Structure formats: structure tokens, C-alpha cells
Amino acid sequence: MGPVQILVVGFGEEARFNGAALEELRKLQEQDIVRLIDMLLVRKLDDGTVEKLEISDSAEVAELGALIGALLGLGAAGEEGAAVGAAVGADEIGGDGTVFEDEDTWFLGDALPVGTAAAIVLVEHRWAIPLRNAIRDNDGVPLLDRWLHPEDLVAAGLEIGREITHD
């Protein structure tokens, strides 16, 4: 399994849900670049009502639960713990076919301003598996893992600009 990312995206009042982002995720899945494990979309209507839409693959969720349980069990009690943990994890996390609980929906809904929406996406980065394996095969170990977004670079540039003008 590749690295799993939890991505939370907010959408403002002018958000148009035309399916473009979901279509891009599907294209990436078809190419085995990513795997969508679970997605929860929550929208707060003008009257304060909270709507949710969830896109889950129950087999993917159960597999993720089993893997998480096995890894926790392995760390806690070795190989025997891994077997027990896999069964417990598949049942606890994947038992109802979703990673997200009803509390997640209401928590997110309570945090959203009226007329806005948010999505929580759980995605596995399949493209990273061969790279990770090549690093491991050469006795490499990850020392730092962070996403660097274009906005981060703009913010860093602004900070550098302020420092230059104050010198």
C-alpha cells in the first residue's frame, strides 16, 4: 500500500459543484496514480441545514482498516498482534463501509459558515509505491515528508520581500 493522505478542502459561497474535481480523481484512479478510499462532502445550506454526500468503496475501506489494525498490532504485539489487529481493524474501520462517522459530518457542518461546503478525501498515492520500494531497497529511510504547495512559495517570497525592504 502507498502513502495515504487526508485532504480537507473548503469551498466558499460561490462554489460550483460541477463534478470536475471528482472527474479528475477518477482519471487518476483509472491510471493507478491514486486510489480514492473514502470521500465525505458536507454542505451547509442557507437555512443552516447540513447535507452530506459520501463516496466510499467498502472493499477499500475494509482493506485500509485491516492494514491499519495489522500495523498497530505488529507494533504492539509482534506477528501475533498483527493478525489479531487486522481482523479488529477491518471490523472497526471498515465494518460499515466508511471511514467517516456521523460525528465527523456534524462536526464539519458545525464548523462551516452558512452557504459553504467542505470535502474530506482519503486517497492512497499509488505512484509512490515503486519509489518507496526503491528507496528501501537501497537502505534509504525517509527523514522528512511534507507537501510544498505553490501558495507556500508565494508566502515565502512575500516574507523574503519584506525582509529585503526592511534591511
Protein backbone atom coordinates (compact mmCIF):
# COMPACT_ATOMS: atom_id res chain seq x y z
CA MET A 1 0.00 0.00 0.00
CA GLY A 2 1.17 3.51 -0.76
CA PRO A 3 1.06 6.56 1.49
CA VAL A 4 -2.45 7.65 2.42
CA GLN A 5 -3.28 11.34 2.53
CA ILE A 6 -6.18 13.00 4.30
CA LEU A 7 -7.09 16.09 2.32
CA VAL A 8 -9.62 18.62 3.66
CA VAL A 9 -10.80 21.21 1.16
CA GLY A 10 -13.13 24.12 1.87
CA PHE A 11 -15.45 25.66 -0.71
CA GLY A 12 -16.82 29.20 -0.41
CA GLU A 13 -20.27 30.53 -1.10
CA GLU A 14 -19.62 30.73 -4.83
CA ALA A 15 -18.62 27.05 -5.06
CA ARG A 16 -19.98 25.31 -8.11
CA PHE A 17 -20.08 21.57 -7.71
CA ASN A 18 -19.94 20.57 -11.33
CA GLY A 19 -18.09 17.30 -10.72
CA ALA A 20 -14.80 18.50 -12.23
CA ALA A 21 -12.66 17.62 -9.19
CA LEU A 22 -14.30 14.22 -8.82
CA GLU A 23 -13.75 13.56 -12.52
CA GLU A 24 -10.04 14.37 -12.09
CA LEU A 25 -9.85 11.92 -9.18
CA ARG A 26 -11.48 9.25 -11.34
CA LYS A 27 -8.97 9.85 -14.16
CA LEU A 28 -6.11 9.50 -11.68
CA GLN A 29 -7.66 6.26 -10.39
CA GLU A 30 -8.00 4.84 -13.90
CA GLN A 31 -4.27 5.43 -14.40
CA ASP A 32 -3.49 3.82 -11.00
CA ILE A 33 -1.87 7.04 -9.81
CA VAL A 34 -4.16 7.37 -6.80
CA ARG A 35 -6.86 5.32 -5.17
CA LEU A 36 -9.87 7.06 -3.65
CA ILE A 37 -10.62 5.25 -0.42
CA ASP A 38 -13.33 7.48 1.02
CA MET A 39 -14.72 10.96 0.48
CA LEU A 40 -17.18 12.98 2.52
CA LEU A 41 -18.72 16.18 1.17
CA VAL A 42 -20.62 18.35 3.65
CA ARG A 43 -22.56 21.48 2.69
CA LYS A 44 -24.35 23.93 4.98
CA LEU A 45 -27.37 25.45 3.27
CA ASP A 46 -28.59 29.00 3.80
CA ASP A 47 -31.19 27.78 6.30
CA GLY A 48 -28.48 26.03 8.37
CA THR A 49 -29.39 22.52 7.20
CA VAL A 50 -26.37 20.25 6.74
CA GLU A 51 -26.28 17.92 3.74
CA LYS A 52 -23.73 15.19 3.20
CA LEU A 53 -22.63 13.06 0.30
CA GLU A 54 -20.22 10.20 0.81
CA ILE A 55 -18.37 8.28 -1.84
CA SER A 56 -16.86 5.11 -0.41
CA ASP A 57 -15.53 1.86 -1.69
CA SER A 58 -16.36 -0.51 1.16
CA ALA A 59 -13.75 -3.04 0.00
CA GLU A 60 -11.08 -0.30 0.01
CA VAL A 61 -12.18 0.89 3.45
CA ALA A 62 -12.10 -2.66 4.87
CA GLU A 63 -8.64 -3.21 3.37
CA LEU A 64 -7.38 0.04 4.87
CA GLY A 65 -8.86 -0.90 8.25
CA ALA A 66 -7.20 -4.30 8.13
CA LEU A 67 -3.86 -2.76 7.22
CA ILE A 68 -4.03 -0.13 9.97
CA GLY A 69 -5.04 -2.77 12.51
CA ALA A 70 -2.26 -5.11 11.39
CA LEU A 71 0.39 -2.39 11.63
CA LEU A 72 -0.81 -1.30 15.07
CA GLY A 73 -0.92 -4.93 16.20
CA LEU A 74 2.54 -5.63 14.82
CA GLY A 75 3.95 -2.68 16.71
CA ALA A 76 2.17 -3.62 19.93
CA ALA A 77 2.49 -7.40 19.97
CA GLY A 78 4.55 -8.66 17.03
CA GLU A 79 3.25 -11.02 14.34
CA GLU A 80 0.50 -12.48 16.53
CA GLY A 81 -0.73 -8.98 17.26
CA ALA A 82 -0.70 -8.17 13.54
CA ALA A 83 -3.13 -11.00 12.77
CA VAL A 84 -5.50 -10.01 15.56
CA GLY A 85 -5.14 -6.31 14.70
CA ALA A 86 -6.01 -6.91 11.04
CA ALA A 87 -9.30 -8.57 11.97
CA VAL A 88 -10.18 -5.90 14.51
CA GLY A 89 -9.16 -3.06 12.17
CA ALA A 90 -11.20 -4.39 9.26
CA ASP A 91 -14.23 -4.64 11.52
CA GLU A 92 -13.77 -1.34 13.39
CA ILE A 93 -12.75 0.89 10.49
CA GLY A 94 -14.32 -0.89 7.56
CA GLY A 95 -17.26 -2.61 9.23
CA ASP A 96 -19.84 -0.16 7.95
CA GLY A 97 -18.08 0.60 4.66
CA THR A 98 -16.89 4.06 5.61
CA VAL A 99 -14.01 5.66 7.46
CA PHE A 100 -16.13 8.64 8.48
CA GLU A 101 -18.55 8.61 11.39
CA ASP A 102 -21.76 10.62 11.68
CA GLU A 103 -19.95 12.79 14.26
CA ASP A 104 -17.49 13.82 11.51
CA THR A 105 -20.38 15.11 9.42
CA TRP A 106 -21.87 17.12 12.27
CA PHE A 107 -18.51 18.43 13.46
CA LEU A 108 -17.67 19.63 9.97
CA GLY A 109 -21.19 21.00 9.47
CA ASP A 110 -20.99 22.95 12.74
CA ALA A 111 -17.65 24.45 11.70
CA LEU A 112 -18.86 25.58 8.28
CA PRO A 113 -20.33 29.03 7.71
CA VAL A 114 -23.78 29.05 6.11
CA GLY A 115 -23.66 28.67 2.34
CA THR A 116 -20.25 26.93 2.24
CA ALA A 117 -19.04 23.36 1.89
CA ALA A 118 -16.05 21.16 2.65
CA ALA A 119 -14.76 17.82 1.49
CA ILE A 120 -12.63 15.30 3.34
CA VAL A 121 -10.86 12.96 0.96
CA LEU A 122 -8.86 9.88 1.92
CA VAL A 123 -6.61 8.99 -1.00
CA GLU A 124 -3.77 6.49 -1.44
CA HIS A 125 -0.84 7.64 -3.57
CA ARG A 126 -0.19 4.54 -5.70
CA TRP A 127 2.53 6.29 -7.74
CA ALA A 128 4.73 6.46 -4.63
CA ILE A 129 4.94 2.69 -4.07
CA PRO A 130 7.76 1.94 -6.57
CA LEU A 131 9.71 4.99 -5.38
CA ARG A 132 9.33 3.98 -1.73
CA ASN A 133 10.42 0.42 -2.56
CA ALA A 134 13.48 1.63 -4.47
CA ILE A 135 14.48 3.82 -1.53
CA ARG A 136 14.02 0.93 0.92
CA ASP A 137 15.93 -1.49 -1.34
CA ASN A 138 18.90 0.87 -1.10
CA ASP A 139 18.68 1.11 2.70
CA GLY A 140 17.17 4.58 2.49
CA VAL A 141 14.84 5.91 5.16
CA PRO A 142 12.54 8.93 4.97
CA LEU A 143 13.84 11.81 7.08
CA LEU A 144 11.18 14.41 6.26
CA ASP A 145 7.84 14.30 4.49
CA ARG A 146 5.96 17.50 3.71
CA TRP A 147 3.86 18.78 0.84
CA LEU A 148 5.06 22.06 -0.62
CA HIS A 149 2.29 23.97 -2.38
CA PRO A 150 2.72 26.90 -4.80
CA GLU A 151 0.99 29.12 -2.22
CA ASP A 152 3.75 28.23 0.26
CA LEU A 153 6.35 29.53 -2.19
CA VAL A 154 4.40 32.75 -2.76
CA ALA A 155 4.16 33.28 1.01
CA ALA A 156 7.90 32.63 1.38
CA GLY A 157 8.59 35.12 -1.42
CA LEU A 158 6.44 37.75 0.29
CA GLU A 159 8.34 37.20 3.53
CA ILE A 160 11.69 37.50 1.73
CA GLY A 161 10.44 40.69 0.05
CA ARG A 162 9.53 42.18 3.44
CA GLU A 163 12.93 41.29 4.85
CA ILE A 164 14.72 42.88 1.89
CA THR A 165 12.74 46.12 2.12
CA HIS A 166 13.34 46.38 5.90
CA ASP A 167 17.11 45.96 5.60
